[in-house]
Amino acid sequence: MRIEVVTITPAMAAQWLLLNTNNRKLRKPYVMKIKADIMSGKWMMTGDPIRFSAKRLIDGQHRLTAIAESGMSVTSVVMWDVPDEAYDRIDQNKTRSSSEILTRHGEANATACASVVNMLAAYEKGGASLQMQQYDRLTACDILHAINDEVRAAAAFANQYKIVRVLPASIVGTCVLLCRRLDHNLADAFFKNVATGEKSVLIKTSNATLLRDRLLVHAATSKTMTLEHKFTWCVRAWNAERAGVDLKNNGLKFVAGDPIPRVE
């Protein structure tokens, strides 16, 4: 078995892909993700090798396709003459989650931090989804670098004031982070009201109570609500509180596919 560190050019990648026989089906969104990382300068040599047996490419088709399509050269470890039977054992282990990696770096509330960073990125991108597409999904490294004291504080708040099986920490954390940028004290009071039912003197309308009641009723009747649905309700209730207007039930309307409303 031979191991090298190689600068792989697009032409070299295309040539090596001719040895890509009897491999699993190519996942185009994953190729797009790797390609985007290469073109944005996020590619990093992790030591994970591209592997060849004496007969064929057995690991690395997605990376090589991305290199070929990107038009840019990258450096990677390459292993030659790996036993052909090794193909059956590659990629069998569970991938490390972002929260596991953040925990390893000493982040408290790692799961909530990761979910807030991911949801915030989707919110800032705009559109009707709070999920990033495969090709622009944040890596654990992206998330780690995006975490700051603002995110940590929002994640800690979210873990304390989420409503289990009703309003997840991802939504509470993202909403309170965005709302704190406008009015820190009111944001805390509003989402504490939603979580506990206790109304602060800072709250001037019944919108937090309305939001809490509607969420609990939906959960009790087993009505499925998407993250976008719950997030939209939270934003509409908050915006009405800021405007000093009491919403009626139809004020929490949600239409699937509509752009996520902006926090005001």
Protein backbone atom coordinates (compact mmCIF):
# COMPACT_ATOMS: atom_id res chain seq x y z
CA MET A 1 0.00 0.00 0.00
CA ARG A 2 1.34 3.46 -0.94
CA ILE A 3 0.31 6.82 0.56
CA GLU A 4 1.02 10.23 -0.97
CA VAL A 5 0.00 13.85 -0.52
CA VAL A 6 -1.00 15.01 -4.00
CA THR A 7 -2.07 18.32 -5.52
CA ILE A 8 -4.99 17.13 -7.63
CA THR A 9 -5.74 19.22 -10.73
CA PRO A 10 -9.16 19.19 -12.41
CA ALA A 11 -7.68 17.28 -15.35
CA MET A 12 -6.14 14.72 -13.00
CA ALA A 13 -9.46 14.31 -11.18
CA ALA A 14 -11.28 13.73 -14.46
CA GLN A 15 -8.72 11.12 -15.48
CA TRP A 16 -8.96 9.31 -12.15
CA LEU A 17 -12.76 9.24 -12.41
CA LEU A 18 -12.37 6.91 -15.39
CA LEU A 19 -11.44 4.30 -12.76
CA ASN A 20 -14.74 4.89 -10.94
CA THR A 21 -16.48 1.57 -11.64
CA ASN A 22 -19.12 -0.26 -9.58
CA ASN A 23 -19.30 2.55 -7.02
CA ARG A 24 -22.40 3.83 -5.24
CA LYS A 25 -24.68 6.31 -7.00
CA LEU A 26 -23.26 9.82 -7.18
CA ARG A 27 -25.10 12.27 -4.88
CA LYS A 28 -25.17 15.52 -6.83
CA PRO A 29 -26.10 17.79 -3.86
CA TYR A 30 -23.05 16.47 -1.98
CA VAL A 31 -20.84 17.21 -4.98
CA MET A 32 -22.26 20.75 -5.08
CA LYS A 33 -21.45 21.19 -1.39
CA ILE A 34 -17.82 20.10 -1.84
CA LYS A 35 -17.49 22.20 -5.00
CA ALA A 36 -18.80 25.27 -3.14
CA ASP A 37 -16.25 24.68 -0.36
CA ILE A 38 -13.41 24.43 -2.88
CA MET A 39 -14.42 27.57 -4.77
CA SER A 40 -14.93 29.61 -1.58
CA GLY A 41 -11.58 28.56 -0.11
CA LYS A 42 -13.09 26.38 2.61
CA TRP A 43 -11.52 23.14 1.40
CA MET A 44 -9.23 21.68 4.04
CA MET A 45 -6.98 18.64 3.84
CA THR A 46 -8.26 16.58 6.78
CA GLY A 47 -6.17 13.47 6.12
CA ASP A 48 -9.18 11.55 4.83
CA PRO A 49 -7.70 9.87 1.74
CA ILE A 50 -8.91 9.24 -1.75
CA ARG A 51 -8.47 5.46 -2.14
CA PHE A 52 -7.62 3.29 -5.12
CA SER A 53 -7.33 -0.46 -5.26
CA ALA A 54 -5.24 -2.10 -7.97
CA LYS A 55 -8.42 -2.22 -10.08
CA ARG A 56 -10.47 0.91 -9.43
CA LEU A 57 -11.35 3.99 -7.41
CA ILE A 58 -13.02 2.76 -4.22
CA ASP A 59 -13.41 6.02 -2.27
CA GLY A 60 -13.45 9.66 -3.38
CA GLN A 61 -15.80 9.93 -6.36
CA HIS A 62 -17.66 12.90 -4.88
CA ARG A 63 -14.48 14.81 -4.07
CA LEU A 64 -12.92 14.11 -7.46
CA THR A 65 -16.10 15.11 -9.31
CA ALA A 66 -16.21 18.37 -7.34
CA ILE A 67 -12.54 19.08 -8.14
CA ALA A 68 -13.11 18.39 -11.84
CA GLU A 69 -16.17 20.65 -11.94
CA SER A 70 -14.65 23.45 -9.85
CA GLY A 71 -11.72 24.04 -12.20
CA MET A 72 -9.46 24.41 -9.17
CA SER A 73 -6.65 22.24 -7.81
CA VAL A 74 -6.69 20.98 -4.22
CA THR A 75 -4.33 18.99 -2.04
CA SER A 76 -5.37 15.63 -0.59
CA VAL A 77 -3.99 12.41 0.78
CA VAL A 78 -4.20 9.60 -1.78
CA MET A 79 -3.82 5.88 -1.03
CA TRP A 80 -2.87 3.36 -3.73
CA ASP A 81 -3.17 -0.42 -3.81
CA VAL A 82 -5.77 -0.59 -1.05
CA PRO A 83 -7.35 -4.08 -0.94
CA ASP A 84 -10.40 -4.07 -3.19
CA GLU A 85 -12.43 -5.69 -0.40
CA ALA A 86 -11.93 -2.55 1.74
CA TYR A 87 -14.74 -0.94 -0.25
CA ASP A 88 -17.24 -2.93 1.83
CA ARG A 89 -15.94 -1.42 5.08
CA ILE A 90 -15.59 2.26 4.13
CA ASP A 91 -18.08 4.85 5.48
CA GLN A 92 -19.77 2.38 7.81
CA ASN A 93 -19.32 4.47 10.96
CA LYS A 94 -21.68 7.24 12.09
CA THR A 95 -20.64 10.74 11.05
CA ARG A 96 -19.84 13.10 13.92
CA SER A 97 -22.64 15.60 14.47
CA SER A 98 -22.00 19.32 14.72
CA SER A 99 -23.06 19.30 18.38
CA GLU A 100 -20.56 16.52 19.15
CA ILE A 101 -17.77 18.54 17.57
CA LEU A 102 -18.83 21.71 19.42
CA THR A 103 -18.92 19.81 22.71
CA ARG A 104 -15.39 18.59 22.05
CA HIS A 105 -14.37 22.24 21.69
CA GLY A 106 -15.88 23.02 25.11
CA GLU A 107 -19.10 24.72 24.00
CA ALA A 108 -21.91 24.54 26.55
CA ASN A 109 -25.42 24.13 25.10
CA ALA A 110 -23.78 22.74 21.96
CA THR A 111 -26.94 21.37 20.35
CA ALA A 112 -28.83 24.61 20.86
CA CYS A 113 -25.86 26.68 19.63
CA ALA A 114 -25.64 24.62 16.44
CA SER A 115 -29.38 24.80 15.78
CA VAL A 116 -29.47 28.57 16.34
CA VAL A 117 -26.54 29.18 13.97
CA ASN A 118 -28.11 26.96 11.30
CA MET A 119 -31.57 28.52 11.60
CA LEU A 120 -30.17 32.04 11.67
CA ALA A 121 -28.24 31.36 8.45
CA ALA A 122 -31.42 30.10 6.76
CA TYR A 123 -33.41 33.09 8.05
CA GLU A 124 -30.81 35.55 6.79
CA LYS A 125 -30.78 33.86 3.41
CA GLY A 126 -34.51 34.57 3.09
CA GLY A 127 -37.14 32.50 1.34
CA ALA A 128 -39.72 30.11 2.70
CA SER A 129 -37.47 27.55 4.41
CA LEU A 130 -35.56 27.42 7.68
CA GLN A 131 -33.41 24.60 6.34
CA MET A 132 -30.26 25.15 4.29
CA GLN A 133 -29.92 23.22 1.05
CA GLN A 134 -27.37 20.40 0.90
CA TYR A 135 -24.92 22.42 -1.19
CA ASP A 136 -24.84 25.45 1.16
CA ARG A 137 -25.39 23.70 4.48
CA LEU A 138 -23.00 24.88 7.17
CA THR A 139 -20.21 22.57 8.22
CA ALA A 140 -19.26 22.02 11.85
CA CYS A 141 -16.26 24.29 11.21
CA ASP A 142 -18.57 27.05 9.86
CA ILE A 143 -20.79 26.72 12.92
CA LEU A 144 -17.87 26.77 15.32
CA HIS A 145 -16.58 30.03 13.85
CA ALA A 146 -20.07 31.59 13.83
CA ILE A 147 -20.62 31.06 17.55
CA ASN A 148 -20.12 34.18 19.62
CA ASP A 149 -21.38 35.46 22.96
CA GLU A 150 -24.68 36.54 21.38
CA VAL A 151 -25.32 32.99 20.13
CA ARG A 152 -24.22 31.42 23.42
CA ALA A 153 -26.56 33.64 25.43
CA ALA A 154 -29.48 32.93 23.11
CA ALA A 155 -28.82 29.17 23.26
CA ALA A 156 -28.68 29.22 27.06
CA PHE A 157 -31.98 31.15 27.16
CA ALA A 158 -33.52 28.71 24.69
CA ASN A 159 -32.59 25.65 26.73
CA GLN A 160 -34.22 27.24 29.76
CA TYR A 161 -37.38 28.49 28.08
CA LYS A 162 -38.10 25.99 25.30
CA ILE A 163 -41.39 24.10 25.55
CA VAL A 164 -40.71 20.39 25.16
CA ARG A 165 -42.53 18.89 22.15
CA VAL A 166 -44.15 22.28 21.52
CA LEU A 167 -41.57 25.00 20.86
CA PRO A 168 -37.98 23.78 20.29
CA ALA A 169 -34.80 25.48 21.41
CA SER A 170 -33.85 26.20 17.79
CA ILE A 171 -36.84 28.52 17.34
CA VAL A 172 -36.71 30.08 20.81
CA GLY A 173 -32.98 30.74 20.50
CA THR A 174 -33.13 32.19 17.00
CA CYS A 175 -36.15 34.36 17.77
CA VAL A 176 -34.77 35.72 21.03
CA LEU A 177 -31.41 36.47 19.37
CA LEU A 178 -33.09 38.45 16.60
CA CYS A 179 -35.54 40.18 18.94
CA ARG A 180 -32.83 41.11 21.46
CA ARG A 181 -31.16 43.14 18.71
CA LEU A 182 -34.25 45.36 18.74
CA ASP A 183 -35.19 45.34 22.45
CA HIS A 184 -33.25 43.02 24.75
CA ASN A 185 -35.45 43.32 27.84
CA LEU A 186 -38.72 43.04 25.94
CA ALA A 187 -37.45 40.00 24.02
CA ASP A 188 -36.63 38.16 27.24
CA ALA A 189 -39.93 39.10 28.85
CA PHE A 190 -41.93 38.12 25.76
CA PHE A 191 -40.46 34.64 25.33
CA LYS A 192 -40.52 33.95 29.06
CA ASN A 193 -44.24 34.76 28.86
CA VAL A 194 -44.62 32.31 25.98
CA ALA A 195 -42.77 29.58 27.89
CA THR A 196 -44.25 29.99 31.36
CA GLY A 197 -47.48 31.96 30.97
CA GLU A 198 -46.18 34.55 33.45
CA LYS A 199 -46.68 38.09 32.15
CA SER A 200 -44.11 40.80 32.84
CA VAL A 201 -45.00 44.46 33.28
CA LEU A 202 -43.03 45.05 30.08
CA ILE A 203 -45.65 43.13 28.07
CA LYS A 204 -48.40 45.44 26.86
CA THR A 205 -50.52 43.06 24.75
CA SER A 206 -51.95 39.54 24.99
CA ASN A 207 -49.95 38.26 22.01
CA ALA A 208 -47.46 36.14 23.97
CA THR A 209 -50.34 34.46 25.80
CA LEU A 210 -52.23 33.94 22.53
CA LEU A 211 -49.14 32.39 20.96
CA ARG A 212 -48.59 30.09 23.95
CA ASP A 213 -52.23 28.96 24.01
CA ARG A 214 -52.36 28.26 20.27
CA LEU A 215 -49.12 26.26 20.35
CA LEU A 216 -50.28 24.18 23.31
CA VAL A 217 -53.68 23.49 21.72
CA HIS A 218 -52.05 22.33 18.48
CA ALA A 219 -49.66 20.09 20.40
CA ALA A 220 -52.49 18.62 22.51
CA THR A 221 -54.53 17.77 19.42
CA SER A 222 -51.48 16.25 17.70
CA LYS A 223 -51.64 18.72 14.84
CA THR A 224 -48.32 18.64 13.00
CA MET A 225 -46.60 22.00 12.68
CA THR A 226 -43.44 22.65 10.71
CA LEU A 227 -40.57 24.74 12.04
CA GLU A 228 -41.56 27.42 9.52
CA HIS A 229 -45.13 27.43 10.88
CA LYS A 230 -44.05 27.85 14.51
CA PHE A 231 -41.38 30.41 13.64
CA THR A 232 -43.87 32.48 11.64
CA TRP A 233 -46.31 32.50 14.54
CA CYS A 234 -43.55 33.65 16.91
CA VAL A 235 -42.50 36.47 14.58
CA ARG A 236 -46.07 37.66 13.97
CA ALA A 237 -46.84 37.68 17.70
CA TRP A 238 -43.58 39.54 18.49
CA ASN A 239 -44.10 42.12 15.74
CA ALA A 240 -47.62 42.79 17.03
CA GLU A 241 -46.28 43.22 20.59
CA ARG A 242 -43.76 45.75 19.31
CA ALA A 243 -46.55 47.57 17.47
CA GLY A 244 -48.79 47.47 20.57
CA VAL A 245 -51.57 45.67 18.70
CA ASP A 246 -53.55 42.70 20.07
CA LEU A 247 -53.82 39.99 17.44
CA LYS A 248 -56.86 37.84 16.92
CA ASN A 249 -56.51 34.13 16.14
CA ASN A 250 -56.31 34.82 12.40
CA GLY A 251 -53.42 37.20 13.04
CA LEU A 252 -51.16 34.16 13.40
CA LYS A 253 -51.81 33.04 9.87
CA PHE A 254 -49.29 30.85 8.08
CA VAL A 255 -49.26 29.89 4.42
CA ALA A 256 -46.80 27.17 3.44
CA GLY A 257 -44.40 28.41 0.79
CA ASP A 258 -44.71 32.08 1.71
CA PRO A 259 -41.47 33.86 2.64
CA ILE A 260 -40.59 33.70 6.35
CA PRO A 261 -41.63 37.07 7.87
CA ARG A 262 -38.97 39.44 9.15
CA VAL A 263 -38.55 40.32 12.82
CA GLU A 264 -39.42 43.98 13.34
